[in-house]
Amino acid sequence: MRPDIVPGAIFPDYELSDHTATRRKLSELQGPDPMVLVLGRGGFCPKDRRQAELLVQLHREMEVGYSRLVTISTDNIVETKEYRLGVGAHWTFLSDAGRRIQKDLDIAEYTDTTHNPMIPHTIVLEPGLVVFKVYNGYWFWGRPTLEELRQDLREITKKCRPDWDITDAEHRAAWQRGEKDRFYPYGKTYATVFGEHD
């Protein structure tokens, strides 16, 4: 992994085609929310498939927790679509068949001369594509467990949601004054994402 991809750094805002062949930027997919970004080998890899199957369960929690999940592999678009359908995923899969990210991040898996994939990584991002944590998943046990991801997302959410603890007197007083923009989903962040207005 490139040496500048460390906690606190801004992750590159790559633009790739998704499983429907629509061009998507990471910043657009993330919006104002925490995001888990899975960089993988592809649908041919049993380790990637098992990780994705486990993430199907977590994704349901992430949706109600206002968090995003994106998978990128070196599969072409047809393979990407089949991979997504095959594991029962409902989040965005992106295709990097041209190996742009693999080269830019210096994560070519040089030990696999048949598929030329990326070395698997799971990157947990704060809003604004800020790197929170990087997991190297070349070996399966290097990949984060669902519980590790839950803990990471909890820490990020505590940082990025000003109304994390609404039991304090300051939040209660702000609500009584009608300052609803300090609360999710009433704030401008929610309006920006879902197209609603104050």
N, C-alpha and C. Protein backbone atom coordinates (compact mmCIF):
# COMPACT_ATOMS: atom_id res chain seq x y z
N MET A 1 0.86 -1.19 0.00
CA MET A 1 0.00 0.00 0.00
C MET A 1 0.89 1.24 0.00
N ARG A 2 0.48 2.21 -0.78
CA ARG A 2 1.22 3.46 -0.83
C ARG A 2 1.44 4.01 0.56
N PRO A 3 2.64 4.52 0.86
CA PRO A 3 2.94 4.93 2.24
C PRO A 3 2.13 6.11 2.76
N ASP A 4 1.46 6.86 1.87
CA ASP A 4 0.68 8.01 2.35
C ASP A 4 -0.77 7.63 2.68
N ILE A 5 -1.14 6.38 2.47
CA ILE A 5 -2.51 5.95 2.81
C ILE A 5 -2.49 5.46 4.26
N VAL A 6 -2.62 6.40 5.15
CA VAL A 6 -2.53 6.15 6.59
C VAL A 6 -3.68 6.87 7.29
N PRO A 7 -3.99 6.50 8.54
CA PRO A 7 -5.05 7.20 9.26
C PRO A 7 -4.84 8.72 9.26
N GLY A 8 -5.91 9.44 8.93
CA GLY A 8 -5.86 10.89 8.85
C GLY A 8 -5.66 11.42 7.45
N ALA A 9 -5.17 10.60 6.53
CA ALA A 9 -4.97 11.03 5.15
C ALA A 9 -6.29 11.00 4.39
N ILE A 10 -6.34 11.74 3.29
CA ILE A 10 -7.51 11.72 2.42
C ILE A 10 -7.32 10.65 1.36
N PHE A 11 -8.25 9.73 1.29
CA PHE A 11 -8.18 8.66 0.29
C PHE A 11 -8.54 9.23 -1.08
N PRO A 12 -7.88 8.79 -2.15
CA PRO A 12 -8.19 9.32 -3.48
C PRO A 12 -9.65 9.10 -3.87
N ASP A 13 -10.20 10.09 -4.53
CA ASP A 13 -11.61 10.04 -4.93
C ASP A 13 -11.72 9.39 -6.32
N TYR A 14 -11.51 8.09 -6.36
CA TYR A 14 -11.53 7.37 -7.63
C TYR A 14 -12.93 7.37 -8.24
N GLU A 15 -12.96 7.32 -9.56
CA GLU A 15 -14.21 7.19 -10.31
C GLU A 15 -14.12 5.95 -11.18
N LEU A 16 -15.05 5.03 -11.01
CA LEU A 16 -15.06 3.76 -11.74
C LEU A 16 -16.49 3.43 -12.16
N SER A 17 -16.61 2.43 -13.02
CA SER A 17 -17.94 1.95 -13.41
C SER A 17 -18.45 0.95 -12.39
N ASP A 18 -19.73 1.06 -12.06
CA ASP A 18 -20.31 0.12 -11.10
C ASP A 18 -20.87 -1.10 -11.82
N HIS A 19 -21.55 -1.96 -11.08
CA HIS A 19 -22.07 -3.22 -11.62
C HIS A 19 -23.15 -3.01 -12.68
N THR A 20 -23.64 -1.77 -12.83
CA THR A 20 -24.61 -1.46 -13.89
C THR A 20 -23.96 -0.67 -15.02
N ALA A 21 -22.63 -0.53 -14.97
CA ALA A 21 -21.84 0.23 -15.97
C ALA A 21 -22.03 1.74 -15.83
N THR A 22 -22.51 2.19 -14.69
CA THR A 22 -22.66 3.63 -14.42
C THR A 22 -21.39 4.12 -13.73
N ARG A 23 -20.87 5.25 -14.20
CA ARG A 23 -19.66 5.82 -13.58
C ARG A 23 -20.02 6.40 -12.22
N ARG A 24 -19.22 6.08 -11.19
CA ARG A 24 -19.49 6.53 -9.82
C ARG A 24 -18.19 6.97 -9.16
N LYS A 25 -18.25 8.09 -8.45
CA LYS A 25 -17.10 8.55 -7.66
C LYS A 25 -17.28 8.10 -6.21
N LEU A 26 -16.18 7.81 -5.54
CA LEU A 26 -16.26 7.38 -4.15
C LEU A 26 -16.92 8.43 -3.28
N SER A 27 -16.61 9.71 -3.51
CA SER A 27 -17.19 10.77 -2.68
C SER A 27 -18.71 10.82 -2.84
N GLU A 28 -19.19 10.55 -4.04
CA GLU A 28 -20.64 10.53 -4.29
C GLU A 28 -21.27 9.36 -3.55
N LEU A 29 -20.61 8.21 -3.59
CA LEU A 29 -21.15 7.03 -2.91
C LEU A 29 -21.12 7.20 -1.40
N GLN A 30 -20.12 7.90 -0.89
CA GLN A 30 -20.00 8.08 0.56
C GLN A 30 -20.97 9.12 1.09
N GLY A 31 -21.16 10.21 0.37
CA GLY A 31 -21.95 11.31 0.92
C GLY A 31 -21.32 11.79 2.21
N PRO A 32 -22.12 12.13 3.23
CA PRO A 32 -21.56 12.63 4.49
C PRO A 32 -21.38 11.53 5.55
N ASP A 33 -21.39 10.27 5.14
CA ASP A 33 -21.44 9.17 6.09
C ASP A 33 -20.11 8.42 6.19
N PRO A 34 -19.93 7.66 7.27
CA PRO A 34 -18.80 6.73 7.33
C PRO A 34 -18.93 5.70 6.21
N MET A 35 -17.79 5.16 5.77
CA MET A 35 -17.84 4.19 4.68
C MET A 35 -16.78 3.11 4.87
N VAL A 36 -17.16 1.88 4.58
CA VAL A 36 -16.21 0.76 4.54
C VAL A 36 -15.96 0.46 3.07
N LEU A 37 -14.69 0.52 2.67
CA LEU A 37 -14.29 0.28 1.29
C LEU A 37 -13.49 -1.01 1.24
N VAL A 38 -13.99 -1.98 0.49
CA VAL A 38 -13.32 -3.27 0.35
C VAL A 38 -12.64 -3.33 -1.01
N LEU A 39 -11.32 -3.44 -0.99
CA LEU A 39 -10.54 -3.62 -2.22
C LEU A 39 -10.19 -5.10 -2.30
N GLY A 40 -10.69 -5.79 -3.33
CA GLY A 40 -10.53 -7.24 -3.34
C GLY A 40 -10.00 -7.80 -4.63
N ARG A 41 -9.77 -9.10 -4.57
CA ARG A 41 -9.29 -9.83 -5.74
C ARG A 41 -10.41 -9.97 -6.77
N GLY A 42 -11.58 -10.37 -6.30
CA GLY A 42 -12.70 -10.57 -7.22
C GLY A 42 -13.48 -11.81 -6.90
N GLY A 43 -14.48 -12.08 -7.71
CA GLY A 43 -15.39 -13.18 -7.47
C GLY A 43 -14.77 -14.56 -7.54
N PHE A 44 -13.61 -14.68 -8.17
CA PHE A 44 -12.96 -15.98 -8.26
C PHE A 44 -12.35 -16.41 -6.93
N CYS A 45 -12.13 -15.48 -6.01
CA CYS A 45 -11.40 -15.76 -4.78
C CYS A 45 -12.36 -16.21 -3.67
N PRO A 46 -12.18 -17.41 -3.13
CA PRO A 46 -13.08 -17.87 -2.07
C PRO A 46 -13.00 -17.02 -0.80
N LYS A 47 -11.85 -16.41 -0.54
CA LYS A 47 -11.71 -15.54 0.64
C LYS A 47 -12.53 -14.26 0.46
N ASP A 48 -12.46 -13.69 -0.73
CA ASP A 48 -13.26 -12.49 -1.02
C ASP A 48 -14.75 -12.81 -0.93
N ARG A 49 -15.14 -13.95 -1.49
CA ARG A 49 -16.55 -14.32 -1.47
C ARG A 49 -17.05 -14.52 -0.04
N ARG A 50 -16.22 -15.16 0.79
CA ARG A 50 -16.64 -15.37 2.19
C ARG A 50 -16.75 -14.04 2.92
N GLN A 51 -15.80 -13.14 2.70
CA GLN A 51 -15.88 -11.82 3.34
C GLN A 51 -17.16 -11.11 2.90
N ALA A 52 -17.47 -11.16 1.60
CA ALA A 52 -18.67 -10.49 1.10
C ALA A 52 -19.94 -11.11 1.69
N GLU A 53 -19.96 -12.45 1.82
CA GLU A 53 -21.12 -13.10 2.42
C GLU A 53 -21.33 -12.64 3.86
N LEU A 54 -20.24 -12.48 4.60
CA LEU A 54 -20.35 -11.98 5.97
C LEU A 54 -20.83 -10.53 5.98
N LEU A 55 -20.34 -9.74 5.03
CA LEU A 55 -20.72 -8.33 4.97
C LEU A 55 -22.20 -8.13 4.62
N VAL A 56 -22.83 -9.13 4.00
CA VAL A 56 -24.27 -9.03 3.72
C VAL A 56 -25.02 -8.80 5.02
N GLN A 57 -24.65 -9.51 6.06
CA GLN A 57 -25.29 -9.34 7.37
C GLN A 57 -25.02 -7.94 7.94
N LEU A 58 -23.76 -7.53 7.90
CA LEU A 58 -23.40 -6.22 8.46
C LEU A 58 -24.04 -5.08 7.68
N HIS A 59 -24.18 -5.25 6.36
CA HIS A 59 -24.73 -4.18 5.54
C HIS A 59 -26.13 -3.77 5.99
N ARG A 60 -26.91 -4.73 6.46
CA ARG A 60 -28.25 -4.39 6.95
C ARG A 60 -28.15 -3.47 8.16
N GLU A 61 -27.16 -3.69 9.02
CA GLU A 61 -26.93 -2.80 10.17
C GLU A 61 -26.40 -1.46 9.70
N MET A 62 -25.52 -1.47 8.71
CA MET A 62 -24.92 -0.23 8.22
C MET A 62 -25.98 0.69 7.63
N GLU A 63 -26.96 0.10 6.94
CA GLU A 63 -28.01 0.92 6.35
C GLU A 63 -28.80 1.68 7.41
N VAL A 64 -29.17 1.01 8.50
CA VAL A 64 -29.92 1.71 9.54
C VAL A 64 -29.01 2.60 10.39
N GLY A 65 -27.70 2.39 10.28
CA GLY A 65 -26.74 3.21 11.01
C GLY A 65 -26.15 4.33 10.16
N TYR A 66 -26.76 4.60 8.99
CA TYR A 66 -26.30 5.65 8.08
C TYR A 66 -24.81 5.52 7.79
N SER A 67 -24.42 4.36 7.31
CA SER A 67 -23.04 4.09 6.90
C SER A 67 -23.08 3.46 5.52
N ARG A 68 -21.99 3.58 4.78
CA ARG A 68 -21.94 3.10 3.40
C ARG A 68 -20.94 1.96 3.27
N LEU A 69 -21.14 1.13 2.25
CA LEU A 69 -20.27 0.01 1.95
C LEU A 69 -20.07 -0.05 0.44
N VAL A 70 -18.81 -0.17 0.01
CA VAL A 70 -18.48 -0.26 -1.41
C VAL A 70 -17.39 -1.32 -1.58
N THR A 71 -17.53 -2.13 -2.62
CA THR A 71 -16.52 -3.13 -2.97
C THR A 71 -15.93 -2.77 -4.32
N ILE A 72 -14.60 -2.86 -4.44
CA ILE A 72 -13.91 -2.67 -5.72
C ILE A 72 -13.06 -3.91 -5.97
N SER A 73 -13.15 -4.45 -7.18
CA SER A 73 -12.29 -5.56 -7.55
C SER A 73 -11.75 -5.33 -8.97
N THR A 74 -10.85 -6.20 -9.39
CA THR A 74 -10.30 -6.10 -10.74
C THR A 74 -11.12 -6.91 -11.74
N ASP A 75 -12.30 -7.38 -11.33
CA ASP A 75 -13.21 -8.06 -12.25
C ASP A 75 -13.72 -7.08 -13.30
N ASN A 76 -14.07 -7.60 -14.50
CA ASN A 76 -14.72 -6.74 -15.47
C ASN A 76 -16.18 -6.53 -15.03
N ILE A 77 -16.94 -5.75 -15.76
CA ILE A 77 -18.29 -5.39 -15.30
C ILE A 77 -19.22 -6.59 -15.23
N VAL A 78 -19.13 -7.50 -16.22
CA VAL A 78 -19.99 -8.70 -16.17
C VAL A 78 -19.64 -9.54 -14.95
N GLU A 79 -18.34 -9.76 -14.71
CA GLU A 79 -17.92 -10.53 -13.54
C GLU A 79 -18.30 -9.84 -12.24
N THR A 80 -18.20 -8.51 -12.24
CA THR A 80 -18.56 -7.73 -11.05
C THR A 80 -20.03 -7.92 -10.72
N LYS A 81 -20.87 -7.85 -11.74
CA LYS A 81 -22.31 -8.04 -11.53
C LYS A 81 -22.60 -9.46 -11.02
N GLU A 82 -21.94 -10.46 -11.62
CA GLU A 82 -22.14 -11.84 -11.19
C GLU A 82 -21.65 -12.07 -9.77
N TYR A 83 -20.53 -11.48 -9.43
CA TYR A 83 -19.98 -11.58 -8.07
C TYR A 83 -20.98 -11.02 -7.06
N ARG A 84 -21.48 -9.83 -7.34
CA ARG A 84 -22.43 -9.17 -6.44
C ARG A 84 -23.70 -10.02 -6.27
N LEU A 85 -24.26 -10.48 -7.37
CA LEU A 85 -25.47 -11.31 -7.30
C LEU A 85 -25.20 -12.64 -6.60
N GLY A 86 -24.03 -13.22 -6.87
CA GLY A 86 -23.69 -14.52 -6.33
C GLY A 86 -23.58 -14.57 -4.81
N VAL A 87 -23.20 -13.43 -4.20
CA VAL A 87 -23.09 -13.39 -2.73
C VAL A 87 -24.32 -12.76 -2.08
N GLY A 88 -25.27 -12.32 -2.90
CA GLY A 88 -26.50 -11.72 -2.36
C GLY A 88 -26.30 -10.32 -1.81
N ALA A 89 -25.36 -9.58 -2.38
CA ALA A 89 -25.06 -8.23 -1.90
C ALA A 89 -26.03 -7.20 -2.48
N HIS A 90 -26.24 -6.11 -1.72
CA HIS A 90 -27.13 -5.03 -2.17
C HIS A 90 -26.43 -3.68 -2.15
N TRP A 91 -25.12 -3.69 -2.03
CA TRP A 91 -24.36 -2.44 -2.06
C TRP A 91 -23.64 -2.33 -3.40
N THR A 92 -23.00 -1.20 -3.62
CA THR A 92 -22.33 -0.92 -4.89
C THR A 92 -21.03 -1.69 -5.02
N PHE A 93 -20.87 -2.35 -6.16
CA PHE A 93 -19.61 -2.99 -6.54
C PHE A 93 -19.06 -2.19 -7.72
N LEU A 94 -17.77 -1.88 -7.66
CA LEU A 94 -17.11 -1.14 -8.73
C LEU A 94 -16.08 -2.03 -9.42
N SER A 95 -15.91 -1.83 -10.72
CA SER A 95 -14.97 -2.60 -11.52
C SER A 95 -13.72 -1.78 -11.82
N ASP A 96 -12.56 -2.35 -11.46
CA ASP A 96 -11.27 -1.74 -11.80
C ASP A 96 -10.50 -2.70 -12.71
N ALA A 97 -11.18 -3.13 -13.79
CA ALA A 97 -10.57 -4.09 -14.71
C ALA A 97 -9.28 -3.55 -15.33
N GLY A 98 -9.16 -2.23 -15.43
CA GLY A 98 -7.94 -1.62 -15.97
C GLY A 98 -6.81 -1.51 -14.97
N ARG A 99 -7.05 -1.96 -13.73
CA ARG A 99 -6.04 -1.97 -12.66
C ARG A 99 -5.51 -0.58 -12.32
N ARG A 100 -6.32 0.44 -12.50
CA ARG A 100 -5.90 1.81 -12.18
C ARG A 100 -5.59 1.96 -10.69
N ILE A 101 -6.52 1.48 -9.84
CA ILE A 101 -6.33 1.60 -8.39
C ILE A 101 -5.21 0.69 -7.94
N GLN A 102 -5.18 -0.51 -8.48
CA GLN A 102 -4.12 -1.46 -8.14
C GLN A 102 -2.74 -0.81 -8.35
N LYS A 103 -2.57 -0.13 -9.47
CA LYS A 103 -1.28 0.50 -9.78
C LYS A 103 -1.07 1.75 -8.93
N ASP A 104 -2.10 2.58 -8.81
CA ASP A 104 -1.95 3.85 -8.09
C ASP A 104 -1.64 3.64 -6.62
N LEU A 105 -2.26 2.63 -6.01
CA LEU A 105 -2.04 2.36 -4.59
C LEU A 105 -0.87 1.40 -4.35
N ASP A 106 -0.28 0.89 -5.44
CA ASP A 106 0.84 -0.06 -5.35
C ASP A 106 0.44 -1.30 -4.57
N ILE A 107 -0.69 -1.91 -4.99
CA ILE A 107 -1.18 -3.11 -4.31
C ILE A 107 -1.38 -4.27 -5.29
N ALA A 108 -0.54 -4.33 -6.31
CA ALA A 108 -0.62 -5.48 -7.22
C ALA A 108 -0.19 -6.73 -6.45
N GLU A 109 -0.99 -7.78 -6.56
CA GLU A 109 -0.64 -9.04 -5.89
C GLU A 109 0.29 -9.82 -6.82
N TYR A 110 1.57 -9.54 -6.70
CA TYR A 110 2.56 -10.09 -7.62
C TYR A 110 2.72 -11.60 -7.49
N THR A 111 2.19 -12.20 -6.41
CA THR A 111 2.28 -13.65 -6.25
C THR A 111 1.22 -14.40 -7.05
N ASP A 112 0.24 -13.69 -7.61
CA ASP A 112 -0.80 -14.31 -8.45
C ASP A 112 -0.57 -13.86 -9.88
N THR A 113 0.13 -14.69 -10.64
CA THR A 113 0.45 -14.33 -12.03
C THR A 113 -0.67 -14.71 -13.00
N THR A 114 -1.70 -15.38 -12.51
CA THR A 114 -2.82 -15.77 -13.36
C THR A 114 -3.87 -14.67 -13.45
N HIS A 115 -4.30 -14.13 -12.30
CA HIS A 115 -5.40 -13.15 -12.27
C HIS A 115 -4.95 -11.70 -12.21
N ASN A 116 -3.73 -11.46 -11.75
CA ASN A 116 -3.21 -10.09 -11.59
C ASN A 116 -4.17 -9.21 -10.78
N PRO A 117 -4.59 -9.68 -9.58
CA PRO A 117 -5.54 -8.90 -8.78
C PRO A 117 -4.84 -7.88 -7.87
N MET A 118 -5.65 -7.21 -7.08
CA MET A 118 -5.14 -6.33 -6.03
C MET A 118 -4.87 -7.18 -4.78
N ILE A 119 -3.93 -6.76 -3.96
CA ILE A 119 -3.80 -7.33 -2.63
C ILE A 119 -5.02 -6.83 -1.85
N PRO A 120 -5.81 -7.72 -1.29
CA PRO A 120 -7.05 -7.30 -0.62
C PRO A 120 -6.77 -6.38 0.58
N HIS A 121 -7.54 -5.32 0.65
CA HIS A 121 -7.50 -4.39 1.79
C HIS A 121 -8.93 -3.99 2.12
N THR A 122 -9.18 -3.73 3.38
CA THR A 122 -10.44 -3.12 3.81
C THR A 122 -10.08 -1.80 4.45
N ILE A 123 -10.66 -0.73 3.93
CA ILE A 123 -10.33 0.62 4.41
C ILE A 123 -11.59 1.24 5.00
N VAL A 124 -11.50 1.65 6.24
CA VAL A 124 -12.62 2.30 6.92
C VAL A 124 -12.39 3.81 6.82
N LEU A 125 -13.41 4.50 6.31
CA LEU A 125 -13.27 5.94 6.01
C LEU A 125 -14.24 6.78 6.82
N GLU A 126 -13.73 7.87 7.37
CA GLU A 126 -14.57 8.89 7.98
C GLU A 126 -15.17 9.73 6.85
N PRO A 127 -16.19 10.54 7.13
CA PRO A 127 -16.72 11.42 6.09
C PRO A 127 -15.59 12.26 5.48
N GLY A 128 -15.74 12.53 4.18
CA GLY A 128 -14.70 13.28 3.48
C GLY A 128 -13.57 12.40 2.99
N LEU A 129 -13.80 11.07 2.94
CA LEU A 129 -12.79 10.09 2.50
C LEU A 129 -11.54 10.12 3.37
N VAL A 130 -11.70 10.47 4.64
CA VAL A 130 -10.57 10.48 5.57
C VAL A 130 -10.33 9.06 6.06
N VAL A 131 -9.09 8.59 5.90
CA VAL A 131 -8.76 7.23 6.31
C VAL A 131 -8.80 7.12 7.83
N PHE A 132 -9.57 6.17 8.33
CA PHE A 132 -9.63 5.89 9.76
C PHE A 132 -8.78 4.67 10.10
N LYS A 133 -8.91 3.60 9.29
CA LYS A 133 -8.14 2.39 9.55
C LYS A 133 -7.97 1.62 8.26
N VAL A 134 -6.82 0.94 8.14
CA VAL A 134 -6.52 0.11 6.96
C VAL A 134 -6.21 -1.31 7.43
N TYR A 135 -6.93 -2.28 6.87
CA TYR A 135 -6.69 -3.70 7.15
C TYR A 135 -6.11 -4.36 5.90
N ASN A 136 -5.02 -5.09 6.04
CA ASN A 136 -4.42 -5.83 4.93
C ASN A 136 -4.96 -7.25 4.97
N GLY A 137 -5.69 -7.65 3.92
CA GLY A 137 -6.36 -8.94 3.92
C GLY A 137 -5.74 -9.98 3.01
N TYR A 138 -4.44 -9.89 2.74
CA TYR A 138 -3.79 -10.90 1.91
C TYR A 138 -4.05 -12.29 2.50
N TRP A 139 -3.89 -12.40 3.82
CA TRP A 139 -4.33 -13.59 4.54
C TRP A 139 -5.72 -13.29 5.10
N PHE A 140 -6.60 -14.27 5.09
CA PHE A 140 -7.99 -14.04 5.49
C PHE A 140 -8.08 -13.45 6.89
N TRP A 141 -7.23 -13.90 7.81
CA TRP A 141 -7.32 -13.41 9.19
C TRP A 141 -6.84 -11.97 9.33
N GLY A 142 -6.29 -11.40 8.28
CA GLY A 142 -5.95 -9.98 8.31
C GLY A 142 -7.14 -9.08 8.02
N ARG A 143 -8.22 -9.67 7.56
CA ARG A 143 -9.42 -8.90 7.26
C ARG A 143 -10.20 -8.63 8.55
N PRO A 144 -10.86 -7.50 8.62
CA PRO A 144 -11.58 -7.18 9.87
C PRO A 144 -12.78 -8.08 10.08
N THR A 145 -13.02 -8.42 11.33
CA THR A 145 -14.25 -9.13 11.67
C THR A 145 -15.40 -8.14 11.62
N LEU A 146 -16.61 -8.66 11.62
CA LEU A 146 -17.77 -7.77 11.66
C LEU A 146 -17.75 -6.94 12.93
N GLU A 147 -17.31 -7.52 14.03
CA GLU A 147 -17.28 -6.78 15.30
C GLU A 147 -16.25 -5.65 15.25
N GLU A 148 -15.11 -5.91 14.62
CA GLU A 148 -14.12 -4.83 14.47
C GLU A 148 -14.69 -3.68 13.65
N LEU A 149 -15.40 -4.01 12.58
CA LEU A 149 -16.00 -2.96 11.77
C LEU A 149 -17.08 -2.22 12.54
N ARG A 150 -17.87 -2.93 13.33
CA ARG A 150 -18.88 -2.26 14.17
C ARG A 150 -18.20 -1.26 15.12
N GLN A 151 -17.10 -1.67 15.73
CA GLN A 151 -16.39 -0.78 16.66
C GLN A 151 -15.81 0.42 15.92
N ASP A 152 -15.24 0.20 14.75
CA ASP A 152 -14.71 1.31 13.95
C ASP A 152 -15.82 2.30 13.59
N LEU A 153 -16.95 1.76 13.13
CA LEU A 153 -18.06 2.63 12.73
C LEU A 153 -18.64 3.37 13.93
N ARG A 154 -18.64 2.74 15.09
CA ARG A 154 -19.10 3.43 16.30
C ARG A 154 -18.19 4.63 16.61
N GLU A 155 -16.88 4.41 16.55
CA GLU A 155 -15.94 5.50 16.86
C GLU A 155 -16.09 6.65 15.86
N ILE A 156 -16.22 6.32 14.59
CA ILE A 156 -16.37 7.37 13.58
C ILE A 156 -17.68 8.12 13.78
N THR A 157 -18.76 7.38 14.03
CA THR A 157 -20.07 8.02 14.21
C THR A 157 -20.07 8.95 15.41
N LYS A 158 -19.42 8.54 16.48
CA LYS A 158 -19.31 9.42 17.65
C LYS A 158 -18.62 10.73 17.29
N LYS A 159 -17.63 10.66 16.40
CA LYS A 159 -16.89 11.85 15.99
C LYS A 159 -17.68 12.74 15.03
N CYS A 160 -18.46 12.11 14.12
CA CYS A 160 -19.06 12.91 13.04
C CYS A 160 -20.52 13.28 13.27
N ARG A 161 -21.15 12.73 14.28
CA ARG A 161 -22.54 13.08 14.56
C ARG A 161 -22.61 13.93 15.82
N PRO A 162 -22.86 15.22 15.68
CA PRO A 162 -22.87 16.08 16.86
C PRO A 162 -23.96 15.72 17.86
N ASP A 163 -24.97 14.99 17.42
CA ASP A 163 -26.05 14.61 18.34
C ASP A 163 -25.89 13.16 18.82
N TRP A 164 -24.65 12.67 18.89
CA TRP A 164 -24.41 11.29 19.35
C TRP A 164 -25.06 11.04 20.70
N ASP A 165 -24.89 11.98 21.61
CA ASP A 165 -25.48 11.82 22.95
C ASP A 165 -26.47 12.95 23.19
N ILE A 166 -27.75 12.67 22.97
CA ILE A 166 -28.76 13.73 23.10
C ILE A 166 -29.29 13.83 24.54
N THR A 167 -28.66 13.13 25.48
CA THR A 167 -29.13 13.19 26.87
C THR A 167 -28.58 14.39 27.63
N ASP A 168 -27.58 15.07 27.06
CA ASP A 168 -27.01 16.19 27.82
C ASP A 168 -27.91 17.43 27.74
N ALA A 169 -27.72 18.32 28.69
CA ALA A 169 -28.58 19.51 28.82
C ALA A 169 -28.47 20.42 27.60
N GLU A 170 -27.27 20.52 27.02
CA GLU A 170 -27.08 21.41 25.87
C GLU A 170 -27.93 20.97 24.67
N HIS A 171 -27.97 19.68 24.40
CA HIS A 171 -28.77 19.21 23.28
C HIS A 171 -30.27 19.39 23.56
N ARG A 172 -30.67 19.10 24.76
CA ARG A 172 -32.08 19.26 25.12
C ARG A 172 -32.52 20.72 24.97
N ALA A 173 -31.67 21.64 25.43
CA ALA A 173 -31.98 23.07 25.32
C ALA A 173 -32.03 23.51 23.86
N ALA A 174 -31.09 23.01 23.04
CA ALA A 174 -31.08 23.36 21.61
C ALA A 174 -32.36 22.89 20.94
N TRP A 175 -32.82 21.70 21.29
CA TRP A 175 -34.06 21.18 20.72
C TRP A 175 -35.25 22.06 21.12
N GLN A 176 -35.29 22.44 22.40
CA GLN A 176 -36.39 23.26 22.88
C GLN A 176 -36.38 24.65 22.24
N ARG A 177 -35.19 25.13 21.85
CA ARG A 177 -35.09 26.42 21.15
C ARG A 177 -35.43 26.29 19.66
N GLY A 178 -35.68 25.07 19.21
CA GLY A 178 -36.02 24.86 17.81
C GLY A 178 -34.81 24.72 16.89
N GLU A 179 -33.62 24.48 17.45
CA GLU A 179 -32.39 24.35 16.66
C GLU A 179 -32.26 22.91 16.16
N LYS A 180 -33.19 22.53 15.31
CA LYS A 180 -33.24 21.14 14.86
C LYS A 180 -32.13 20.77 13.89
N ASP A 181 -31.48 21.78 13.30
CA ASP A 181 -30.41 21.48 12.35
C ASP A 181 -29.22 20.80 13.03
N ARG A 182 -29.20 20.77 14.36
CA ARG A 182 -28.14 20.11 15.10
C ARG A 182 -28.42 18.62 15.29
N PHE A 183 -29.57 18.16 14.78
CA PHE A 183 -30.00 16.79 15.01
C PHE A 183 -30.21 16.06 13.69
N TYR A 184 -29.77 14.82 13.65
CA TYR A 184 -30.00 13.96 12.50
C TYR A 184 -31.35 13.29 12.69
N PRO A 185 -32.27 13.32 11.78
CA PRO A 185 -32.14 13.66 10.37
C PRO A 185 -32.58 15.07 9.99
N TYR A 186 -32.75 15.94 10.96
CA TYR A 186 -33.28 17.27 10.66
C TYR A 186 -32.25 18.23 10.09
N GLY A 187 -30.99 17.93 10.28
CA GLY A 187 -29.93 18.86 9.88
C GLY A 187 -29.70 18.92 8.39
N LYS A 188 -28.86 19.85 8.01
CA LYS A 188 -28.57 20.07 6.60
C LYS A 188 -27.90 18.86 5.95
N THR A 189 -27.16 18.09 6.72
CA THR A 189 -26.51 16.90 6.17
C THR A 189 -27.55 15.95 5.60
N TYR A 190 -28.57 15.69 6.37
CA TYR A 190 -29.64 14.79 5.92
C TYR A 190 -30.33 15.38 4.69
N ALA A 191 -30.60 16.68 4.72
CA ALA A 191 -31.27 17.33 3.60
C ALA A 191 -30.44 17.22 2.34
N THR A 192 -29.13 17.36 2.48
CA THR A 192 -28.26 17.27 1.33
C THR A 192 -28.31 15.87 0.71
N VAL A 193 -28.28 14.87 1.57
CA VAL A 193 -28.25 13.49 1.08
C VAL A 193 -29.58 13.07 0.50
N PHE A 194 -30.68 13.36 1.18
CA PHE A 194 -31.97 12.83 0.78
C PHE A 194 -32.84 13.84 0.01
N GLY A 195 -32.30 15.03 -0.26
CA GLY A 195 -33.00 15.99 -1.08
C GLY A 195 -34.15 16.69 -0.38
N GLU A 196 -34.17 16.66 0.95
CA GLU A 196 -35.22 17.34 1.70
C GLU A 196 -34.71 18.70 2.17
N HIS A 197 -35.64 19.55 2.51
CA HIS A 197 -35.27 20.92 2.94
C HIS A 197 -35.79 21.19 4.32
N ASP A 198 -35.11 22.11 5.02
CA ASP A 198 -35.53 22.49 6.37
C ASP A 198 -36.92 23.11 6.36
